[in-house]
Amino acid sequence: MTTVWNNQGAIVSQQPIDAQGFAQHAFSTAGLNEPFLLTAEVDGQLTVTGLTDDWDTNRQTLGSDWVCLNYNKWGGSGYAENRYAVIFQPDRLVYAPGSTVHFKSFIRKLDGGLLSTNPAGTPVRVEVGPSDNPIYTQELIISNFGTVNDSFSLSDTIENDWLEVRLEVEGEQVREYLSISTGGNSSDFEIPEFKEDEIHPPLNSGDFTIQTDKDKYISREQAQVTINSTFGGPALLLVERGEVRQYQEIVLTPPTTQVALTIAESDSPNVFVTVSAFEQIDTKAALLEDLKLTNFSISDRVLRTATTEIFSPVQGKRLNVQIVPNQPTYGLGEEATFEVVVTNEQGVPVSAEVSLVLQEEAIQRIYPLSELQSLDQFYAARSHTVNVFHTFSGERYLGPDFGRGCNWHSPLPDAPEISFRPETAWTPHLVTDFAGKTQATFTLPASAGQWRIMATAITADTQIGEAEIIIETK
């Protein structure tokens, strides 16, 4: 029998062990006290292991993005994939004390790994700043395109290098971070670019490896998985990303074992395939091989794991966006009209919500807002964030200095001291017509210079695209 306990000693889940030595637990962690403990009892013998890193590394901060945990692209860092994907899009990436921050958030629900929108009118609570003393708190309403937008003002004496942004939808909280420039240090926040041709090497070691017949697959295609091993016996094959998505009990037949996996639509843009099995070893031979193992105990089994990453790039989600100014150059303080044209990958006009921002080109060159590509943020390869915890370590350390933690922080880089003009235009909610067109009219700055116009378009089914142009006033 296997039992999962919370840290108050209450039973969370209990399941029997089958003939192959497997037991499966599925339970919600909502409202439960972590970390969890797993016990297994067979014929009166009991073994125990923890279900979070807190048990084996003595980490001081559980659930922090910045302390030895995998960074989750959509905010938060739990041990399961968030139910919501939220992108916080500010009108620029640097702000001076006392300035106004305009923002827009794209909110998508994760339904089996697929992105969907909440019904229009769903409330979203947005907080900015320290949780015990936020500088902005507001309940906003989701639009037909799954977005919210608003603005807030910064204090003249703000000294933060960054501000935490918390968005709560249907009881789930997601965090993002907003960079604030005060002429001193600034956090270096980077969104990795999504490259469809970027293939990660298999995460294997030793003579227990796993590989696939192709680098990339399309939805509903069958992947042939080959497992190379020097031992046989029962094994567990898992398809993972943020959580265990599917599993198979298999039998290893050395030297190679073949398994067929069908790629689901929800597996895009990537999933991880992990195989775990126990290999029996000769403990006497292991001790004789290294007589210096005086501080270790040796188990008669070693847990062997192998992992590979499978890519299934998202198809048909990139919008073509074009910005058309009504003239090539403008006078100081002149009125300008910009038409935005949005089509899908096939060139067909679509109904989309468009945000348009005008920003001084000097700011853009130092803090490039255009690098935060929304398509990359929603559809880039996601983190694995599924860990294997076990009691059968091949070598368990029994010596001094047990339980070292790992709380590492790198110093923040110095940001240049700059004097800049705030943006002169921010229009978060334009909707295209039947021809895929919309337009906005701005009064341009009464000063000479170059200005970058950036447009982001999104549809209700999460097709996304961006465009930008540079205009000049003189």
Protein backbone atom coordinates (compact mmCIF):
# COMPACT_ATOMS: atom_id res chain seq x y z
CA MET A 1 0.00 0.00 0.00
CA THR A 2 1.23 3.51 -0.79
CA THR A 3 0.11 6.61 1.11
CA VAL A 4 0.61 10.34 0.54
CA TRP A 5 0.66 12.50 3.67
CA ASN A 6 0.72 16.27 4.10
CA ASN A 7 3.01 17.98 6.58
CA GLN A 8 0.26 17.90 9.26
CA GLY A 9 0.19 14.09 9.20
CA ALA A 10 -3.15 13.83 7.37
CA ILE A 11 -3.64 11.25 4.60
CA VAL A 12 -4.06 12.90 1.21
CA SER A 13 -4.24 9.81 -1.02
CA GLN A 14 -3.91 6.04 -0.64
CA GLN A 15 -3.49 3.52 -3.46
CA PRO A 16 -2.50 -0.17 -3.68
CA ILE A 17 0.58 -1.44 -5.49
CA ASP A 18 -0.10 -3.52 -8.62
CA ALA A 19 1.65 -6.71 -9.70
CA GLN A 20 4.35 -4.75 -11.55
CA GLY A 21 5.15 -2.65 -8.48
CA PHE A 22 3.35 0.53 -9.62
CA ALA A 23 0.88 2.76 -7.79
CA GLN A 24 -0.76 5.85 -9.22
CA HIS A 25 -1.95 8.84 -7.19
CA ALA A 26 -3.91 11.82 -8.49
CA PHE A 27 -4.97 14.59 -6.11
CA SER A 28 -5.36 18.35 -6.01
CA THR A 29 -2.90 20.33 -3.88
CA ALA A 30 -5.37 23.20 -3.40
CA GLY A 31 -5.74 24.05 0.27
CA LEU A 32 -3.31 21.31 1.36
CA ASN A 33 -0.22 21.80 3.49
CA GLU A 34 3.00 21.11 1.60
CA PRO A 35 5.49 19.52 1.39
CA PHE A 36 4.08 16.02 0.98
CA LEU A 37 5.46 12.68 2.12
CA LEU A 38 5.03 9.34 0.32
CA THR A 39 5.23 6.03 2.18
CA ALA A 40 5.14 2.55 0.67
CA GLU A 41 4.67 -0.67 2.66
CA VAL A 42 5.24 -4.16 1.23
CA ASP A 43 5.26 -7.30 3.40
CA GLY A 44 5.82 -5.26 6.55
CA GLN A 45 8.75 -3.29 5.10
CA LEU A 46 8.32 0.47 4.95
CA THR A 47 10.09 3.09 2.79
CA VAL A 48 9.49 6.82 2.65
CA THR A 49 10.36 9.72 0.34
CA GLY A 50 9.34 13.35 -0.09
CA LEU A 51 7.36 14.74 -3.01
CA THR A 52 9.06 18.16 -3.12
CA ASP A 53 12.67 19.35 -3.15
CA ASP A 54 12.16 20.68 0.36
CA TRP A 55 12.81 17.21 1.75
CA ASP A 56 16.22 16.62 0.23
CA THR A 57 17.87 20.06 -0.14
CA ASN A 58 16.54 21.93 2.90
CA ARG A 59 15.58 24.91 0.79
CA GLN A 60 14.48 27.92 2.77
CA THR A 61 12.04 29.38 0.24
CA LEU A 62 9.48 27.03 -1.26
CA GLY A 63 7.59 28.40 -4.25
CA SER A 64 10.00 31.23 -5.16
CA ASP A 65 11.11 31.76 -8.76
CA TRP A 66 14.44 33.09 -7.61
CA VAL A 67 15.65 30.42 -5.18
CA CYS A 68 16.87 27.25 -6.86
CA LEU A 69 13.63 26.47 -8.68
CA ASN A 70 12.89 26.21 -12.37
CA TYR A 71 11.57 29.51 -13.72
CA ASN A 72 8.04 29.10 -15.01
CA LYS A 73 7.50 31.22 -18.10
CA TRP A 74 4.04 32.33 -17.11
CA GLY A 75 4.82 33.26 -13.52
CA GLY A 76 4.57 31.17 -10.38
CA SER A 77 6.77 28.16 -9.77
CA GLY A 78 4.63 25.33 -8.41
CA TYR A 79 5.18 21.71 -9.24
CA ALA A 80 2.32 21.56 -11.75
CA GLU A 81 1.67 23.66 -14.83
CA ASN A 82 -0.45 26.71 -14.05
CA ARG A 83 -4.09 26.69 -15.14
CA TYR A 84 -3.58 30.15 -16.62
CA ALA A 85 -1.13 31.67 -19.08
CA VAL A 86 -0.88 35.41 -18.47
CA ILE A 87 1.28 37.91 -20.33
CA PHE A 88 1.64 41.36 -18.76
CA GLN A 89 2.44 43.86 -21.53
CA PRO A 90 3.46 47.35 -20.37
CA ASP A 91 3.65 50.29 -22.78
CA ARG A 92 7.43 50.27 -22.33
CA LEU A 93 10.12 48.53 -20.28
CA VAL A 94 11.52 51.45 -18.31
CA TYR A 95 9.80 54.06 -16.17
CA ALA A 96 10.96 57.04 -14.18
CA PRO A 97 9.58 57.78 -10.71
CA GLY A 98 6.30 59.66 -10.90
CA SER A 99 5.40 58.46 -14.39
CA THR A 100 2.24 56.64 -15.49
CA VAL A 101 2.34 52.96 -16.38
CA HIS A 102 -0.12 51.81 -19.03
CA PHE A 103 -0.53 48.07 -19.33
CA LYS A 104 -2.47 45.33 -21.05
CA SER A 105 -2.69 41.67 -20.02
CA PHE A 106 -3.41 38.75 -22.30
CA ILE A 107 -5.14 36.03 -20.24
CA ARG A 108 -5.56 32.46 -21.42
CA LYS A 109 -6.84 29.37 -19.65
CA LEU A 110 -4.88 26.14 -20.02
CA ASP A 111 -7.34 23.39 -20.86
CA GLY A 112 -5.46 20.14 -21.24
CA GLY A 113 -2.43 22.07 -22.46
CA LEU A 114 -4.47 24.09 -24.99
CA LEU A 115 -5.08 27.83 -24.69
CA SER A 116 -8.67 29.10 -24.42
CA THR A 117 -10.30 32.39 -23.37
CA ASN A 118 -12.51 33.06 -20.38
CA PRO A 119 -16.03 34.31 -21.11
CA ALA A 120 -16.20 38.07 -21.65
CA GLY A 121 -17.03 39.74 -18.35
CA THR A 122 -14.92 37.40 -16.18
CA PRO A 123 -13.39 39.49 -13.34
CA VAL A 124 -9.62 39.69 -12.91
CA ARG A 125 -8.01 41.13 -9.80
CA VAL A 126 -4.73 42.96 -10.51
CA GLU A 127 -2.28 44.04 -7.82
CA VAL A 128 1.07 45.80 -8.29
CA GLY A 129 3.77 46.18 -5.66
CA PRO A 130 4.42 44.49 -2.31
CA SER A 131 1.65 42.11 -1.27
CA ASP A 132 1.33 43.80 2.13
CA ASN A 133 1.18 47.32 0.66
CA PRO A 134 0.32 47.33 -3.07
CA ILE A 135 0.53 50.59 -5.01
CA TYR A 136 -2.31 49.51 -7.32
CA THR A 137 -5.30 47.23 -6.76
CA GLN A 138 -8.19 46.93 -9.19
CA GLU A 139 -10.75 44.43 -10.41
CA LEU A 140 -10.87 44.49 -14.21
CA ILE A 141 -13.18 42.75 -16.67
CA ILE A 142 -11.96 40.41 -19.42
CA SER A 143 -12.84 41.54 -22.96
CA ASN A 144 -14.15 39.43 -25.85
CA PHE A 145 -10.52 38.87 -26.83
CA GLY A 146 -9.40 37.65 -23.39
CA THR A 147 -7.59 40.85 -22.35
CA VAL A 148 -7.71 43.56 -19.69
CA ASN A 149 -6.04 46.99 -19.65
CA ASP A 150 -5.61 49.90 -17.27
CA SER A 151 -2.99 52.34 -15.94
CA PHE A 152 -1.50 53.44 -12.62
CA SER A 153 0.95 56.09 -11.42
CA LEU A 154 4.30 55.53 -9.77
CA SER A 155 5.36 57.43 -6.68
CA ASP A 156 7.91 60.22 -7.09
CA THR A 157 10.05 58.50 -4.46
CA ILE A 158 9.84 54.92 -5.72
CA GLU A 159 13.16 53.11 -5.33
CA ASN A 160 12.34 49.58 -6.50
CA ASP A 161 14.32 48.10 -9.35
CA TRP A 162 11.25 46.05 -10.23
CA LEU A 163 7.66 45.62 -9.12
CA GLU A 164 5.76 42.40 -8.71
CA VAL A 165 2.50 42.21 -10.66
CA ARG A 166 -0.11 39.71 -9.42
CA LEU A 167 -3.14 38.76 -11.49
CA GLU A 168 -5.81 36.55 -9.95
CA VAL A 169 -8.34 34.74 -12.16
CA GLU A 170 -10.87 32.29 -10.74
CA GLY A 171 -8.85 31.98 -7.53
CA GLU A 172 -5.51 31.30 -9.26
CA GLN A 173 -2.74 33.85 -8.88
CA VAL A 174 -0.07 34.40 -11.53
CA ARG A 175 2.95 36.66 -11.07
CA GLU A 176 4.88 38.83 -13.50
CA TYR A 177 7.59 41.46 -12.96
CA LEU A 178 7.79 45.06 -14.15
CA SER A 179 11.17 46.77 -14.49
CA ILE A 180 11.47 50.26 -13.00
CA SER A 181 14.43 52.54 -13.80
CA THR A 182 15.41 54.99 -11.06
CA GLY A 183 18.78 55.93 -12.54
CA GLY A 184 20.51 53.18 -10.55
CA ASN A 185 20.28 49.42 -10.76
CA SER A 186 17.70 47.66 -12.93
CA SER A 187 16.73 44.03 -13.15
CA ASP A 188 17.66 42.29 -16.38
CA PHE A 189 14.47 40.52 -17.45
CA GLU A 190 14.79 38.41 -20.58
CA ILE A 191 12.18 36.42 -22.50
CA PRO A 192 13.81 33.57 -24.45
CA GLU A 193 13.14 33.68 -28.17
CA PHE A 194 11.17 30.78 -29.64
CA LYS A 195 13.17 29.07 -32.39
CA GLU A 196 11.34 26.25 -34.10
CA ASP A 197 14.57 24.67 -35.32
CA GLU A 198 16.22 24.69 -31.90
CA ILE A 199 16.47 21.07 -30.75
CA HIS A 200 17.64 20.24 -27.25
CA PRO A 201 19.86 17.16 -26.80
CA PRO A 202 18.41 14.14 -24.97
CA LEU A 203 18.81 14.37 -21.20
CA ASN A 204 20.45 10.97 -20.79
CA SER A 205 23.45 9.55 -19.01
CA GLY A 206 25.45 6.36 -19.01
CA ASP A 207 24.13 3.29 -20.80
CA PHE A 208 20.44 4.00 -20.10
CA THR A 209 19.21 6.34 -22.83
CA ILE A 210 16.04 7.27 -24.70
CA GLN A 211 15.71 8.70 -28.20
CA THR A 212 13.04 9.35 -30.84
CA ASP A 213 13.00 8.70 -34.59
CA LYS A 214 12.47 12.40 -35.48
CA ASP A 215 13.31 15.83 -34.10
CA LYS A 216 9.82 17.33 -34.57
CA TYR A 217 6.28 16.02 -34.99
CA ILE A 218 2.88 17.33 -35.96
CA SER A 219 -0.30 16.77 -33.97
CA ARG A 220 -1.62 13.16 -34.07
CA GLU A 221 1.62 11.88 -35.59
CA GLN A 222 3.15 8.76 -34.02
CA ALA A 223 6.60 9.01 -32.46
CA GLN A 224 8.77 5.91 -32.24
CA VAL A 225 10.63 5.92 -28.93
CA THR A 226 13.72 3.74 -28.51
CA ILE A 227 15.02 2.91 -25.02
CA ASN A 228 18.57 1.58 -24.76
CA SER A 229 19.37 -0.36 -21.59
CA THR A 230 21.69 -3.08 -20.30
CA PHE A 231 19.04 -4.54 -18.00
CA GLY A 232 15.44 -5.67 -18.30
CA GLY A 233 12.32 -5.61 -16.17
CA PRO A 234 9.32 -3.35 -15.52
CA ALA A 235 9.62 0.37 -16.21
CA LEU A 236 7.39 3.41 -16.16
CA LEU A 237 7.18 5.68 -19.23
CA LEU A 238 5.79 9.17 -18.58
CA VAL A 239 4.88 12.03 -20.90
CA GLU A 240 5.43 15.20 -18.87
CA ARG A 241 5.33 18.98 -18.96
CA GLY A 242 4.45 20.72 -15.73
CA GLU A 243 2.57 17.57 -14.77
CA VAL A 244 2.35 13.91 -15.77
CA ARG A 245 0.23 14.06 -18.94
CA GLN A 246 0.10 10.32 -19.71
CA TYR A 247 1.88 7.15 -18.62
CA GLN A 248 2.51 3.58 -19.72
CA GLU A 249 3.76 0.60 -17.81
CA ILE A 250 6.30 -1.10 -20.08
CA VAL A 251 8.80 -3.97 -19.87
CA LEU A 252 12.42 -3.32 -20.85
CA THR A 253 13.92 -5.91 -23.19
CA PRO A 254 17.65 -5.15 -23.52
CA PRO A 255 19.45 -3.93 -25.50
CA THR A 256 16.59 -1.91 -27.03
CA THR A 257 12.89 -1.47 -26.32
CA GLN A 258 10.50 0.14 -28.82
CA VAL A 259 7.44 2.13 -27.75
CA ALA A 260 5.00 4.05 -29.99
CA LEU A 261 3.56 7.37 -28.72
CA THR A 262 0.84 9.41 -30.42
CA ILE A 263 1.49 13.15 -30.23
CA ALA A 264 -1.61 14.99 -28.97
CA GLU A 265 -2.57 18.52 -29.99
CA SER A 266 -2.12 19.60 -26.38
CA ASP A 267 1.50 18.39 -26.48
CA SER A 268 2.48 21.48 -28.49
CA PRO A 269 4.94 23.11 -28.39
CA ASN A 270 6.92 20.45 -26.51
CA VAL A 271 6.72 17.62 -24.00
CA PHE A 272 9.25 15.46 -22.20
CA VAL A 273 9.32 11.67 -22.27
CA THR A 274 10.88 10.06 -19.19
CA VAL A 275 11.51 6.39 -18.51
CA SER A 276 12.26 5.22 -14.95
CA ALA A 277 13.30 1.72 -13.88
CA PHE A 278 15.15 0.05 -11.02
CA GLU A 279 18.35 -1.82 -11.88
CA GLN A 280 19.55 -4.45 -9.44
CA ILE A 281 23.25 -4.21 -8.54
CA ASP A 282 25.81 -6.29 -6.71
CA THR A 283 26.46 -4.31 -3.52
CA LYS A 284 29.50 -6.40 -2.57
CA ALA A 285 31.16 -5.67 -5.89
CA ALA A 286 30.32 -1.97 -5.59
CA LEU A 287 31.97 -1.76 -2.16
CA LEU A 288 35.06 -3.62 -3.31
CA GLU A 289 35.37 -1.29 -6.28
CA ASP A 290 35.81 1.75 -4.05
CA LEU A 291 36.97 1.07 -0.48
CA LYS A 292 36.78 4.80 0.28
CA LEU A 293 32.99 4.75 0.56
CA THR A 294 33.15 4.82 4.35
CA ASN A 295 30.52 7.56 4.61
CA PHE A 296 27.97 5.89 2.31
CA SER A 297 25.45 3.11 2.50
CA ILE A 298 24.83 1.07 -0.65
CA SER A 299 21.35 -0.08 -1.76
CA ASP A 300 20.84 -3.20 -3.86
CA ARG A 301 18.88 -1.26 -6.48
CA VAL A 302 19.56 1.90 -8.42
CA LEU A 303 16.85 4.05 -9.93
CA ARG A 304 17.73 4.72 -13.55
CA THR A 305 15.99 7.52 -15.46
CA ALA A 306 16.32 8.83 -19.00
CA THR A 307 14.55 11.82 -20.54
CA THR A 308 14.21 13.30 -24.01
CA GLU A 309 12.33 16.33 -25.28
CA ILE A 310 9.80 16.04 -28.11
CA PHE A 311 8.93 19.13 -30.15
CA SER A 312 5.57 19.70 -31.83
CA PRO A 313 5.64 23.33 -33.04
CA VAL A 314 2.39 25.27 -32.92
CA GLN A 315 0.85 25.75 -36.36
CA GLY A 316 -1.39 28.51 -37.70
CA LYS A 317 -1.06 30.94 -34.78
CA ARG A 318 1.07 33.72 -36.30
CA LEU A 319 -0.78 36.81 -37.48
CA ASN A 320 0.49 39.09 -40.23
CA VAL A 321 0.32 42.70 -39.01
CA GLN A 322 1.01 45.79 -41.09
CA ILE A 323 1.14 49.44 -39.96
CA VAL A 324 0.45 52.02 -42.69
CA PRO A 325 1.12 55.71 -41.86
CA ASN A 326 -0.84 58.37 -43.77
CA GLN A 327 2.40 60.13 -44.81
CA PRO A 328 6.17 59.39 -44.76
CA THR A 329 7.29 62.25 -42.46
CA TYR A 330 5.55 64.66 -40.09
CA GLY A 331 5.95 68.16 -38.74
CA LEU A 332 6.34 68.99 -35.07
CA GLY A 333 3.07 68.49 -33.19
CA GLU A 334 1.28 67.35 -36.34
CA GLU A 335 -1.67 64.96 -36.29
CA ALA A 336 -0.94 61.50 -37.74
CA THR A 337 -3.20 58.60 -38.64
CA PHE A 338 -2.02 54.98 -38.69
CA GLU A 339 -3.95 52.11 -40.27
CA VAL A 340 -3.32 48.59 -38.96
CA VAL A 341 -4.08 45.62 -41.21
CA VAL A 342 -4.31 42.12 -39.67
CA THR A 343 -4.52 38.81 -41.58
CA ASN A 344 -3.88 35.17 -40.65
CA GLU A 345 -1.08 33.01 -42.06
CA GLN A 346 -3.15 32.38 -45.21
CA GLY A 347 -3.62 36.12 -45.78
CA VAL A 348 -7.30 36.12 -44.77
CA PRO A 349 -8.52 39.16 -42.77
CA VAL A 350 -9.38 38.35 -39.15
CA SER A 351 -11.22 39.96 -36.28
CA ALA A 352 -8.53 40.94 -33.79
CA GLU A 353 -7.90 43.28 -30.89
CA VAL A 354 -4.96 45.61 -31.52
CA SER A 355 -2.88 47.65 -29.09
CA LEU A 356 -0.82 50.51 -30.49
CA VAL A 357 1.98 52.36 -28.71
CA LEU A 358 4.26 55.21 -29.76
CA GLN A 359 7.64 55.37 -28.03
CA GLU A 360 10.77 57.46 -28.44
CA GLU A 361 13.33 55.53 -30.48
CA ALA A 362 16.12 56.32 -27.99
CA ILE A 363 14.26 54.40 -25.27
CA GLN A 364 13.61 51.52 -27.64
CA ARG A 365 17.31 51.13 -28.38
CA ILE A 366 18.18 50.86 -24.69
CA TYR A 367 15.11 48.92 -23.51
CA PRO A 368 13.79 47.12 -26.63
CA LEU A 369 10.09 46.45 -26.06
CA SER A 370 9.99 44.75 -29.47
CA GLU A 371 12.04 41.85 -28.07
CA LEU A 372 9.05 40.77 -25.96
CA GLN A 373 7.36 38.91 -28.79
CA SER A 374 3.91 37.78 -27.65
CA LEU A 375 3.89 34.73 -29.92
CA ASP A 376 7.15 33.58 -28.37
CA GLN A 377 5.80 34.12 -24.87
CA PHE A 378 2.66 32.05 -25.44
CA TYR A 379 4.06 29.33 -27.70
CA ALA A 380 7.76 28.98 -26.85
CA ALA A 381 8.97 25.64 -25.51
CA ARG A 382 7.89 25.24 -21.89
CA SER A 383 9.82 24.01 -18.88
CA HIS A 384 9.80 20.41 -17.74
CA THR A 385 9.24 21.09 -13.99
CA VAL A 386 8.50 17.45 -13.18
CA ASN A 387 10.91 15.89 -10.72
CA VAL A 388 11.64 12.31 -9.69
CA PHE A 389 11.98 11.68 -5.94
CA HIS A 390 13.01 8.30 -4.59
CA THR A 391 14.44 6.46 -1.61
CA PHE A 392 16.69 4.08 -3.57
CA SER A 393 19.65 6.39 -4.09
CA GLY A 394 22.62 4.42 -5.33
CA GLU A 395 24.80 6.12 -2.73
CA ARG A 396 23.29 7.91 0.23
CA TYR A 397 25.58 10.35 2.02
CA LEU A 398 25.89 9.75 5.75
CA GLY A 399 28.81 12.05 6.55
CA PRO A 400 29.00 15.64 7.88
CA ASP A 401 27.47 18.80 6.35
CA PHE A 402 24.26 17.03 5.40
CA GLY A 403 21.38 19.09 4.06
CA ARG A 404 23.10 21.95 2.29
CA GLY A 405 20.69 24.53 0.91
CA CYS A 406 21.18 26.58 -2.23
CA ASN A 407 20.10 30.19 -2.09
CA TRP A 408 21.88 31.95 -4.91
CA HIS A 409 21.40 35.44 -6.25
CA SER A 410 23.53 37.14 -8.88
CA PRO A 411 24.10 40.88 -8.55
CA LEU A 412 21.89 43.04 -10.72
CA PRO A 413 23.66 44.86 -13.57
CA ASP A 414 23.95 48.63 -13.51
CA ALA A 415 21.51 50.38 -15.81
CA PRO A 416 22.56 53.53 -17.68
CA GLU A 417 21.37 56.83 -16.30
CA ILE A 418 19.13 58.31 -18.97
CA SER A 419 16.81 61.23 -19.49
CA PHE A 420 13.86 60.34 -21.70
CA ARG A 421 10.48 61.59 -22.79
CA PRO A 422 7.48 59.45 -21.89
CA GLU A 423 5.43 57.79 -24.62
CA THR A 424 3.03 60.09 -26.37
CA ALA A 425 0.40 57.54 -27.42
CA TRP A 426 -1.06 54.32 -26.00
CA THR A 427 -4.20 52.78 -27.46
CA PRO A 428 -4.85 49.32 -25.95
CA HIS A 429 -8.20 48.39 -27.48
CA LEU A 430 -8.66 48.74 -31.25
CA VAL A 431 -10.80 46.12 -33.03
CA THR A 432 -10.38 45.27 -36.72
CA ASP A 433 -13.33 45.33 -39.11
CA PHE A 434 -14.44 42.71 -41.69
CA ALA A 435 -11.43 43.65 -43.86
CA GLY A 436 -9.02 43.13 -40.96
CA LYS A 437 -8.39 46.89 -40.63
CA THR A 438 -8.48 49.45 -37.84
CA GLN A 439 -6.89 52.86 -37.37
CA ALA A 440 -5.84 55.38 -34.75
CA THR A 441 -5.01 59.08 -34.88
CA PHE A 442 -2.32 60.62 -32.64
CA THR A 443 -1.00 64.12 -32.09
CA LEU A 444 2.74 63.69 -32.48
CA PRO A 445 5.33 65.26 -30.13
CA ALA A 446 6.21 68.90 -30.67
CA SER A 447 9.90 68.02 -30.80
CA ALA A 448 12.16 66.64 -33.50
CA GLY A 449 13.23 63.03 -33.38
CA GLN A 450 12.51 59.46 -34.36
CA TRP A 451 9.54 57.56 -32.93
CA ARG A 452 8.70 53.88 -33.05
CA ILE A 453 5.10 52.75 -33.56
CA MET A 454 4.44 49.18 -32.34
CA ALA A 455 1.24 47.18 -32.83
CA THR A 456 0.27 43.88 -31.20
CA ALA A 457 -2.77 41.96 -32.44
CA ILE A 458 -4.52 38.99 -30.84
CA THR A 459 -7.63 36.97 -31.74
CA ALA A 460 -10.02 35.16 -29.43
CA ASP A 461 -8.40 31.82 -30.40
CA THR A 462 -4.92 33.19 -29.53
CA GLN A 463 -3.48 33.92 -32.94
CA ILE A 464 -0.87 36.62 -32.29
CA GLY A 465 1.28 38.97 -34.32
CA GLU A 466 3.29 42.18 -34.04
CA ALA A 467 4.59 44.89 -36.32
CA GLU A 468 6.57 48.10 -35.90
CA ILE A 469 7.65 51.08 -37.99
CA ILE A 470 9.80 54.16 -37.35
CA ILE A 471 8.55 57.65 -38.18
CA GLU A 472 10.31 61.01 -37.94
CA THR A 473 9.20 64.45 -36.83
CA LYS A 474 11.16 67.46 -38.06
